[in-house]
Amino acid sequence: MKLVVVSHKQGWPDADAPSGYVTDGGFPYHMQAVSNLFDETEVVMPIAMAPSPPGTGALRGHRLRILPLVPPAQGGGRRKSLVKVLPANLGRIWKAVQQADAVHVPVPGDIGMMGILVALIQRKRLFVRHCGNWLVQRSPAEHLLKFIMERFAGGRNVMLATGGGVAPPSAKNPAIKWIFSSGLTRADLKKYGAPRTQLPKQPRLVIACRQERNKGTHLVIESLPDVMQAFPGVHLEVVGDGRALPDLKQQAEALGVADHVTFHGRLPHKGVLERMQAADLFCYPTQSPEGFPKVVLEALASGLPVITTAVSVLPHLIGDRSGHILDEVTPAAMATAIRHCLADETRYVRMSQQAVETAAQYSLEAWEETIGGYLEAAWGPLRSDG
């Protein structure tokens, strides 16, 4: 069976990559896993003809190839640019879908919405994976996307929402199922899984994310003067770049805690995991729409208790076993949670052990097997060789 993936995810040319292209985030891992399920896979995605940024990963997989789209502009001019490149891109998407046996669309995304509509018009087998926060819609496009998924899920249309919990994703259509997200193989989980065995004397905190205001790094920095009263040697590692980074550096200076904060900027995936292995607590007071944040899973896999917020799947994932869910998102609450996690060695060690055990349930192989099970139940055998 031939699968076509239609995605808004931007890639860049790279002669060293098996497919000739790279991209960032968890997309390379997911495409490799999905391609393992099919005879061949074609990924239709925008390709920017420019040097790739640091931290990208090679797009590779079983008989996987890339069909480039013309990339629309990023930022405020994207909508106007999207209309400009629409004729060329829509024609390529239409032809690729026409030649496919099945279509996979990761959403939200404007190009993904085109992929869904083309697949429905052509009556193709359709697999939609909602990667954002399924529980929160903040724009008309997101409301429309949820309506389409609830309207068409079932039969040959497999619809999965990234997240988790006791209640199903949709009360309107039980055919929509939860799916977790992961970028760690079982070998990675075994390699990085190192439960802490004692309390740190000079705790190292870490936060890794795109540095935007709604991710909450400023709250962690603002909590440091309070935390330093109990732990004078505390140190915060900030991983990731973004628009808020200059303001965060100024904030650390203004609060007099600059010597207690290291800003690493953007790191490759291996570098992020190395910073986590060297840390003692993962702080993530996000107020951003989240589906199943892989960075939290990576922190758990590294044995880090996680302090976070009641966003999407995080209460289900963390609970009171692997860290602490903030009742209120303030610097004072963050400082209290940090002190709480580090106040008792028995509790800290137990949380670290539970973090590793929780992460072990969410390997990339388990993700592939779960999705493969849903697709085979709806479509039958996916590969001619078994």
Protein backbone atom coordinates (compact mmCIF):
# COMPACT_ATOMS: atom_id res chain seq x y z
CA MET A 1 0.00 0.00 0.00
CA LYS A 2 1.30 3.45 -0.91
CA LEU A 3 0.84 6.21 1.66
CA VAL A 4 0.98 9.92 0.91
CA VAL A 5 1.58 12.30 3.83
CA VAL A 6 0.43 15.89 3.33
CA SER A 7 1.95 18.28 5.87
CA HIS A 8 2.63 21.97 6.48
CA LYS A 9 5.93 21.06 8.17
CA GLN A 10 8.80 22.88 6.48
CA GLY A 11 11.92 21.05 5.35
CA TRP A 12 15.28 21.96 3.84
CA PRO A 13 17.53 20.25 1.27
CA ASP A 14 20.44 18.26 2.67
CA ALA A 15 22.63 16.08 0.48
CA ASP A 16 23.67 13.94 3.45
CA ALA A 17 20.09 12.89 4.33
CA PRO A 18 18.88 9.60 2.78
CA SER A 19 15.83 11.36 1.31
CA GLY A 20 17.80 14.50 0.44
CA TYR A 21 15.90 16.58 3.01
CA VAL A 22 15.82 17.44 6.72
CA THR A 23 13.34 19.05 9.08
CA ASP A 24 13.04 19.75 12.79
CA GLY A 25 11.09 18.60 15.84
CA GLY A 26 9.67 15.10 16.12
CA PHE A 27 8.53 14.94 12.50
CA PRO A 28 11.54 12.92 11.23
CA TYR A 29 11.00 10.24 13.88
CA HIS A 30 7.29 10.01 13.18
CA MET A 31 7.73 9.79 9.42
CA GLN A 32 10.28 7.01 9.78
CA ALA A 33 7.93 5.09 12.08
CA VAL A 34 4.90 5.58 9.81
CA SER A 35 6.87 4.57 6.71
CA ASN A 36 7.72 1.25 8.38
CA LEU A 37 4.03 0.34 8.15
CA PHE A 38 3.67 0.77 4.37
CA ASP A 39 5.15 -0.51 1.10
CA GLU A 40 6.13 3.05 0.17
CA THR A 41 5.59 6.54 1.55
CA GLU A 42 5.65 9.93 -0.14
CA VAL A 43 5.78 13.04 2.06
CA VAL A 44 4.34 16.17 0.44
CA MET A 45 5.70 19.19 2.33
CA PRO A 46 7.04 22.73 1.81
CA ILE A 47 10.77 22.85 1.12
CA ALA A 48 12.71 26.07 1.68
CA MET A 49 15.66 26.42 -0.68
CA ALA A 50 17.96 27.76 2.03
CA PRO A 51 20.49 26.40 4.52
CA SER A 52 18.82 24.37 7.25
CA PRO A 53 18.86 25.74 10.83
CA PRO A 54 20.71 23.88 13.60
CA GLY A 55 18.99 20.98 15.34
CA THR A 56 17.34 19.42 12.28
CA GLY A 57 17.01 15.69 11.65
CA ALA A 58 17.20 13.68 8.45
CA LEU A 59 13.96 12.56 6.83
CA ARG A 60 14.38 8.84 6.26
CA GLY A 61 12.34 5.68 6.27
CA HIS A 62 11.26 2.56 4.41
CA ARG A 63 11.02 3.55 0.72
CA LEU A 64 10.33 7.14 1.78
CA ARG A 65 10.67 10.06 -0.60
CA ILE A 66 9.82 13.74 -0.48
CA LEU A 67 7.63 15.70 -2.92
CA PRO A 68 8.50 19.40 -2.42
CA LEU A 69 5.85 22.10 -2.25
CA VAL A 70 6.51 25.81 -2.71
CA PRO A 71 6.84 27.17 0.85
CA PRO A 72 4.50 30.01 1.81
CA ALA A 73 5.99 32.89 3.77
CA GLN A 74 6.32 32.48 7.53
CA GLY A 75 4.76 34.86 10.03
CA GLY A 76 2.24 37.60 9.29
CA GLY A 77 2.44 37.35 5.52
CA ARG A 78 1.71 33.63 5.41
CA ARG A 79 -1.97 33.88 4.49
CA LYS A 80 -1.40 36.14 1.50
CA SER A 81 1.60 34.07 0.41
CA LEU A 82 -0.38 30.84 0.76
CA VAL A 83 -2.97 32.12 -1.72
CA LYS A 84 -0.19 33.04 -4.14
CA VAL A 85 1.38 29.57 -4.16
CA LEU A 86 -1.97 27.74 -3.89
CA PRO A 87 -2.39 26.78 -7.59
CA ALA A 88 1.00 25.06 -7.85
CA ASN A 89 0.77 23.35 -4.47
CA LEU A 90 -2.84 22.26 -4.82
CA GLY A 91 -2.05 20.67 -8.17
CA ARG A 92 0.85 18.69 -6.67
CA ILE A 93 -1.24 17.60 -3.67
CA TRP A 94 -4.13 16.54 -5.92
CA LYS A 95 -1.89 14.43 -8.16
CA ALA A 96 -0.02 12.84 -5.23
CA VAL A 97 -3.27 11.90 -3.48
CA GLN A 98 -4.68 10.56 -6.75
CA GLN A 99 -1.74 8.15 -7.05
CA ALA A 100 -1.93 7.00 -3.41
CA ASP A 101 -3.78 4.17 -1.74
CA ALA A 102 -4.09 6.07 1.53
CA VAL A 103 -3.47 9.58 2.87
CA HIS A 104 -2.07 10.69 6.21
CA VAL A 105 -2.49 14.30 7.34
CA PRO A 106 -0.89 15.66 10.54
CA VAL A 107 -2.84 18.75 11.67
CA PRO A 108 -3.44 21.57 12.57
CA GLY A 109 -2.01 23.28 9.50
CA ASP A 110 -3.29 25.09 6.41
CA ILE A 111 -1.64 22.67 3.97
CA GLY A 112 -2.92 19.74 6.01
CA MET A 113 -6.47 21.07 5.69
CA MET A 114 -6.02 21.04 1.89
CA GLY A 115 -4.84 17.43 2.17
CA ILE A 116 -7.93 16.41 4.13
CA LEU A 117 -10.33 18.02 1.66
CA VAL A 118 -8.57 16.52 -1.37
CA ALA A 119 -8.56 13.05 0.22
CA LEU A 120 -12.28 13.31 1.07
CA ILE A 121 -13.16 14.50 -2.44
CA GLN A 122 -11.18 11.64 -3.99
CA ARG A 123 -12.62 9.16 -1.42
CA LYS A 124 -9.25 7.90 -0.33
CA ARG A 125 -8.50 6.03 2.85
CA LEU A 126 -7.77 8.86 5.29
CA PHE A 127 -5.70 8.98 8.50
CA VAL A 128 -5.77 12.31 10.35
CA ARG A 129 -3.56 12.86 13.40
CA HIS A 130 -4.39 15.98 15.42
CA CYS A 131 -1.08 17.05 17.00
CA GLY A 132 -2.21 20.19 18.86
CA ASN A 133 -4.43 20.60 21.90
CA TRP A 134 -7.61 18.81 20.89
CA LEU A 135 -9.47 20.24 23.89
CA VAL A 136 -8.91 23.92 22.99
CA GLN A 137 -9.83 25.60 19.70
CA ARG A 138 -8.64 29.19 19.39
CA SER A 139 -9.49 30.10 15.80
CA PRO A 140 -12.24 29.50 13.23
CA ALA A 141 -9.87 27.19 11.33
CA GLU A 142 -9.34 25.03 14.44
CA HIS A 143 -13.10 24.85 15.06
CA LEU A 144 -13.63 23.83 11.41
CA LEU A 145 -10.94 21.16 11.68
CA LYS A 146 -12.55 19.64 14.76
CA PHE A 147 -15.96 19.70 13.08
CA ILE A 148 -14.57 17.86 10.03
CA MET A 149 -12.86 15.21 12.17
CA GLU A 150 -15.98 14.59 14.24
CA ARG A 151 -18.15 14.53 11.11
CA PHE A 152 -16.06 12.08 9.09
CA ALA A 153 -14.28 9.84 11.66
CA GLY A 154 -15.15 6.17 11.35
CA GLY A 155 -15.07 3.46 8.72
CA ARG A 156 -12.06 4.02 6.46
CA ASN A 157 -11.38 7.43 8.04
CA VAL A 158 -9.05 6.94 11.02
CA MET A 159 -8.94 10.04 13.24
CA LEU A 160 -6.60 10.28 16.24
CA ALA A 161 -6.17 13.13 18.71
CA THR A 162 -2.82 13.58 20.43
CA GLY A 163 -3.28 13.51 24.17
CA GLY A 164 -4.81 11.15 26.67
CA GLY A 165 -7.12 10.73 29.62
CA VAL A 166 -9.94 8.64 31.01
CA ALA A 167 -12.63 10.29 28.87
CA PRO A 168 -12.51 9.76 25.08
CA PRO A 169 -11.58 12.74 22.89
CA SER A 170 -15.05 13.29 21.48
CA ALA A 171 -18.52 12.81 22.94
CA LYS A 172 -19.94 13.37 19.44
CA ASN A 173 -17.97 10.64 17.67
CA PRO A 174 -16.44 7.74 19.63
CA ALA A 175 -14.46 6.70 16.53
CA ILE A 176 -11.90 9.40 17.41
CA LYS A 177 -9.21 7.90 19.65
CA TRP A 178 -6.39 9.27 21.77
CA ILE A 179 -2.80 8.79 20.64
CA PHE A 180 0.34 9.69 22.56
CA SER A 181 3.48 11.14 20.99
CA SER A 182 7.09 10.08 21.30
CA GLY A 183 10.50 10.61 19.75
CA LEU A 184 12.33 8.04 21.91
CA THR A 185 12.96 4.45 20.91
CA ARG A 186 13.07 1.62 23.43
CA ALA A 187 16.85 1.72 23.12
CA ASP A 188 16.80 5.47 23.92
CA LEU A 189 14.60 4.88 26.95
CA LYS A 190 16.98 2.25 28.22
CA LYS A 191 20.01 4.45 27.53
CA TYR A 192 18.71 7.63 29.15
CA GLY A 193 16.58 6.12 31.92
CA ALA A 194 18.56 6.80 35.09
CA PRO A 195 16.43 7.20 38.24
CA ARG A 196 17.99 9.51 40.84
CA THR A 197 19.08 7.79 44.04
CA GLN A 198 19.54 10.79 46.34
CA LEU A 199 18.66 14.44 46.78
CA PRO A 200 20.98 16.92 45.06
CA LYS A 201 22.96 19.27 47.30
CA GLN A 202 22.99 22.00 44.65
CA PRO A 203 19.85 21.40 42.57
CA ARG A 204 19.95 21.94 38.82
CA LEU A 205 16.65 22.88 37.23
CA VAL A 206 16.04 22.68 33.49
CA ILE A 207 13.40 23.94 31.07
CA ALA A 208 13.55 23.07 27.36
CA CYS A 209 11.11 24.59 24.88
CA ARG A 210 10.60 27.31 22.34
CA GLN A 211 11.24 30.43 24.41
CA GLU A 212 7.91 32.23 24.13
CA ARG A 213 6.03 34.00 26.90
CA ASN A 214 3.31 31.33 27.21
CA LYS A 215 5.85 28.56 27.92
CA GLY A 216 6.52 30.03 31.38
CA THR A 217 10.32 30.30 31.54
CA HIS A 218 9.92 33.80 33.01
CA LEU A 219 8.00 32.30 35.94
CA VAL A 220 10.81 29.87 36.71
CA ILE A 221 13.39 32.67 36.62
CA GLU A 222 11.20 34.85 38.84
CA SER A 223 10.92 32.00 41.37
CA LEU A 224 14.70 31.70 41.79
CA PRO A 225 15.21 34.35 44.53
CA ASP A 226 12.62 32.49 46.65
CA VAL A 227 14.15 29.07 45.87
CA MET A 228 17.64 30.36 46.69
CA GLN A 229 16.61 30.95 50.29
CA ALA A 230 16.39 27.17 50.72
CA PHE A 231 18.95 26.18 48.06
CA PRO A 232 21.60 28.92 47.62
CA GLY A 233 23.42 26.86 44.99
CA VAL A 234 20.40 26.26 42.74
CA HIS A 235 21.03 26.66 39.00
CA LEU A 236 18.60 26.87 36.07
CA GLU A 237 19.41 25.63 32.56
CA VAL A 238 17.30 27.26 29.83
CA VAL A 239 17.33 25.32 26.56
CA GLY A 240 15.80 26.67 23.36
CA ASP A 241 15.59 29.92 21.44
CA GLY A 242 12.65 32.16 20.62
CA ARG A 243 11.36 35.71 20.70
CA ALA A 244 11.32 35.88 24.52
CA LEU A 245 15.00 34.99 24.94
CA PRO A 246 16.39 38.57 25.11
CA ASP A 247 13.74 39.54 27.69
CA LEU A 248 14.51 36.44 29.76
CA LYS A 249 18.20 37.34 29.89
CA GLN A 250 17.33 40.87 30.97
CA GLN A 251 14.97 39.50 33.61
CA ALA A 252 17.70 37.30 35.09
CA GLU A 253 20.02 40.32 35.28
CA ALA A 254 17.35 42.55 36.84
CA LEU A 255 16.55 39.96 39.53
CA GLY A 256 20.22 39.45 40.34
CA VAL A 257 20.13 35.75 39.44
CA ALA A 258 22.09 35.84 36.16
CA ASP A 259 24.90 33.80 37.76
CA HIS A 260 22.34 31.10 38.53
CA VAL A 261 20.97 30.81 34.97
CA THR A 262 22.62 29.38 31.86
CA PHE A 263 20.99 30.10 28.49
CA HIS A 264 22.01 27.36 26.04
CA GLY A 265 19.92 28.47 23.08
CA ARG A 266 18.87 25.86 20.56
CA LEU A 267 20.52 22.47 20.97
CA PRO A 268 20.33 19.29 18.88
CA HIS A 269 18.12 16.54 20.28
CA LYS A 270 21.07 14.72 21.81
CA GLY A 271 22.18 17.92 23.52
CA VAL A 272 18.75 18.44 25.05
CA LEU A 273 18.78 14.92 26.49
CA GLU A 274 22.29 15.46 27.85
CA ARG A 275 21.17 18.60 29.70
CA MET A 276 18.27 16.66 31.15
CA GLN A 277 20.52 13.86 32.33
CA ALA A 278 22.64 16.40 34.18
CA ALA A 279 19.62 18.06 35.86
CA ASP A 280 17.52 17.23 38.92
CA LEU A 281 14.08 18.74 38.14
CA PHE A 282 12.23 19.68 34.94
CA CYS A 283 10.21 22.89 35.24
CA TYR A 284 7.53 23.47 32.61
CA PRO A 285 4.82 25.95 33.71
CA THR A 286 3.31 26.10 30.24
CA GLN A 287 0.12 27.96 29.43
CA SER A 288 0.42 27.10 25.76
CA PRO A 289 -1.92 24.74 23.89
CA GLU A 290 -0.22 21.35 24.18
CA GLY A 291 -1.20 17.96 22.79
CA PHE A 292 1.29 15.47 24.19
CA PRO A 293 4.51 17.48 24.70
CA LYS A 294 7.41 15.19 23.82
CA VAL A 295 9.81 17.29 25.88
CA VAL A 296 7.98 16.28 29.05
CA LEU A 297 8.23 12.63 28.05
CA GLU A 298 11.97 13.11 27.47
CA ALA A 299 12.32 14.64 30.92
CA LEU A 300 10.50 11.71 32.51
CA ALA A 301 12.66 9.28 30.54
CA SER A 302 15.73 11.01 31.98
CA GLY A 303 14.48 10.39 35.50
CA LEU A 304 13.40 13.96 36.17
CA PRO A 305 10.37 14.75 38.31
CA VAL A 306 8.32 17.31 36.37
CA ILE A 307 6.71 20.48 37.68
CA THR A 308 4.06 21.60 35.20
CA THR A 309 0.51 22.83 34.70
CA ALA A 310 -2.91 21.24 34.23
CA VAL A 311 -2.77 21.56 30.43
CA SER A 312 -4.16 18.83 28.18
CA VAL A 313 -2.63 15.42 28.96
CA LEU A 314 -0.13 16.65 31.56
CA PRO A 315 -2.24 15.92 34.69
CA HIS A 316 -2.90 12.40 33.36
CA LEU A 317 0.77 11.89 32.54
CA ILE A 318 2.29 13.36 35.71
CA GLY A 319 -0.40 13.17 38.39
CA ASP A 320 1.11 13.16 41.87
CA ARG A 321 3.45 10.28 41.03
CA SER A 322 6.09 11.73 38.72
CA GLY A 323 6.16 15.34 39.83
CA HIS A 324 3.82 18.17 40.73
CA ILE A 325 0.90 19.86 38.96
CA LEU A 326 0.69 23.56 39.84
CA ASP A 327 -2.59 24.73 41.36
CA GLU A 328 -1.81 28.26 40.19
CA VAL A 329 0.72 29.43 37.64
CA THR A 330 2.75 31.97 39.62
CA PRO A 331 6.41 32.35 40.67
CA ALA A 332 5.43 31.74 44.29
CA ALA A 333 3.65 28.49 43.38
CA MET A 334 6.64 27.40 41.30
CA ALA A 335 9.04 28.08 44.18
CA THR A 336 6.82 26.15 46.57
CA ALA A 337 6.64 23.19 44.18
CA ILE A 338 10.43 23.13 43.72
CA ARG A 339 10.99 23.13 47.48
CA HIS A 340 8.33 20.45 47.90
CA CYS A 341 9.94 18.12 45.35
CA LEU A 342 13.35 18.56 46.97
CA ALA A 343 12.29 18.49 50.62
CA ASP A 344 12.20 14.73 51.16
CA GLU A 345 14.70 12.28 49.71
CA THR A 346 12.36 9.28 49.81
CA ARG A 347 9.66 11.17 47.90
CA TYR A 348 12.16 12.60 45.40
CA VAL A 349 13.69 9.19 44.63
CA ARG A 350 10.23 7.64 44.29
CA MET A 351 9.11 10.36 41.86
CA SER A 352 12.27 9.86 39.78
CA GLN A 353 11.74 6.11 39.59
CA GLN A 354 8.09 6.57 38.65
CA ALA A 355 9.11 9.08 35.95
CA VAL A 356 11.29 6.46 34.23
CA GLU A 357 8.58 3.80 34.53
CA THR A 358 5.97 6.16 33.06
CA ALA A 359 8.15 7.09 30.10
CA ALA A 360 8.84 3.42 29.32
CA GLN A 361 5.20 3.01 28.26
CA TYR A 362 5.55 5.58 25.47
CA SER A 363 8.28 4.41 23.13
CA LEU A 364 8.37 5.26 19.44
CA GLU A 365 7.90 1.56 18.67
CA ALA A 366 4.76 1.48 20.83
CA TRP A 367 3.50 4.57 18.98
CA GLU A 368 4.08 2.84 15.64
CA GLU A 369 2.41 -0.37 16.83
CA THR A 370 -0.62 1.50 18.18
CA ILE A 371 -1.16 3.45 14.98
CA GLY A 372 -0.54 0.35 12.88
CA GLY A 373 -3.23 -1.48 14.84
CA TYR A 374 -5.81 1.24 14.19
CA LEU A 375 -4.97 1.42 10.48
CA GLU A 376 -4.97 -2.34 9.89
CA ALA A 377 -8.32 -2.63 11.66
CA ALA A 378 -9.77 -0.06 9.24
CA TRP A 379 -7.86 -0.85 6.03
CA GLY A 380 -6.55 -4.39 6.25
CA PRO A 381 -2.87 -5.29 5.55
CA LEU A 382 -0.67 -2.23 4.97
CA ARG A 383 2.36 -3.97 3.47
CA SER A 384 2.46 -6.63 0.80
CA ASP A 385 5.34 -8.40 2.60
CA GLY A 386 3.40 -8.96 5.79
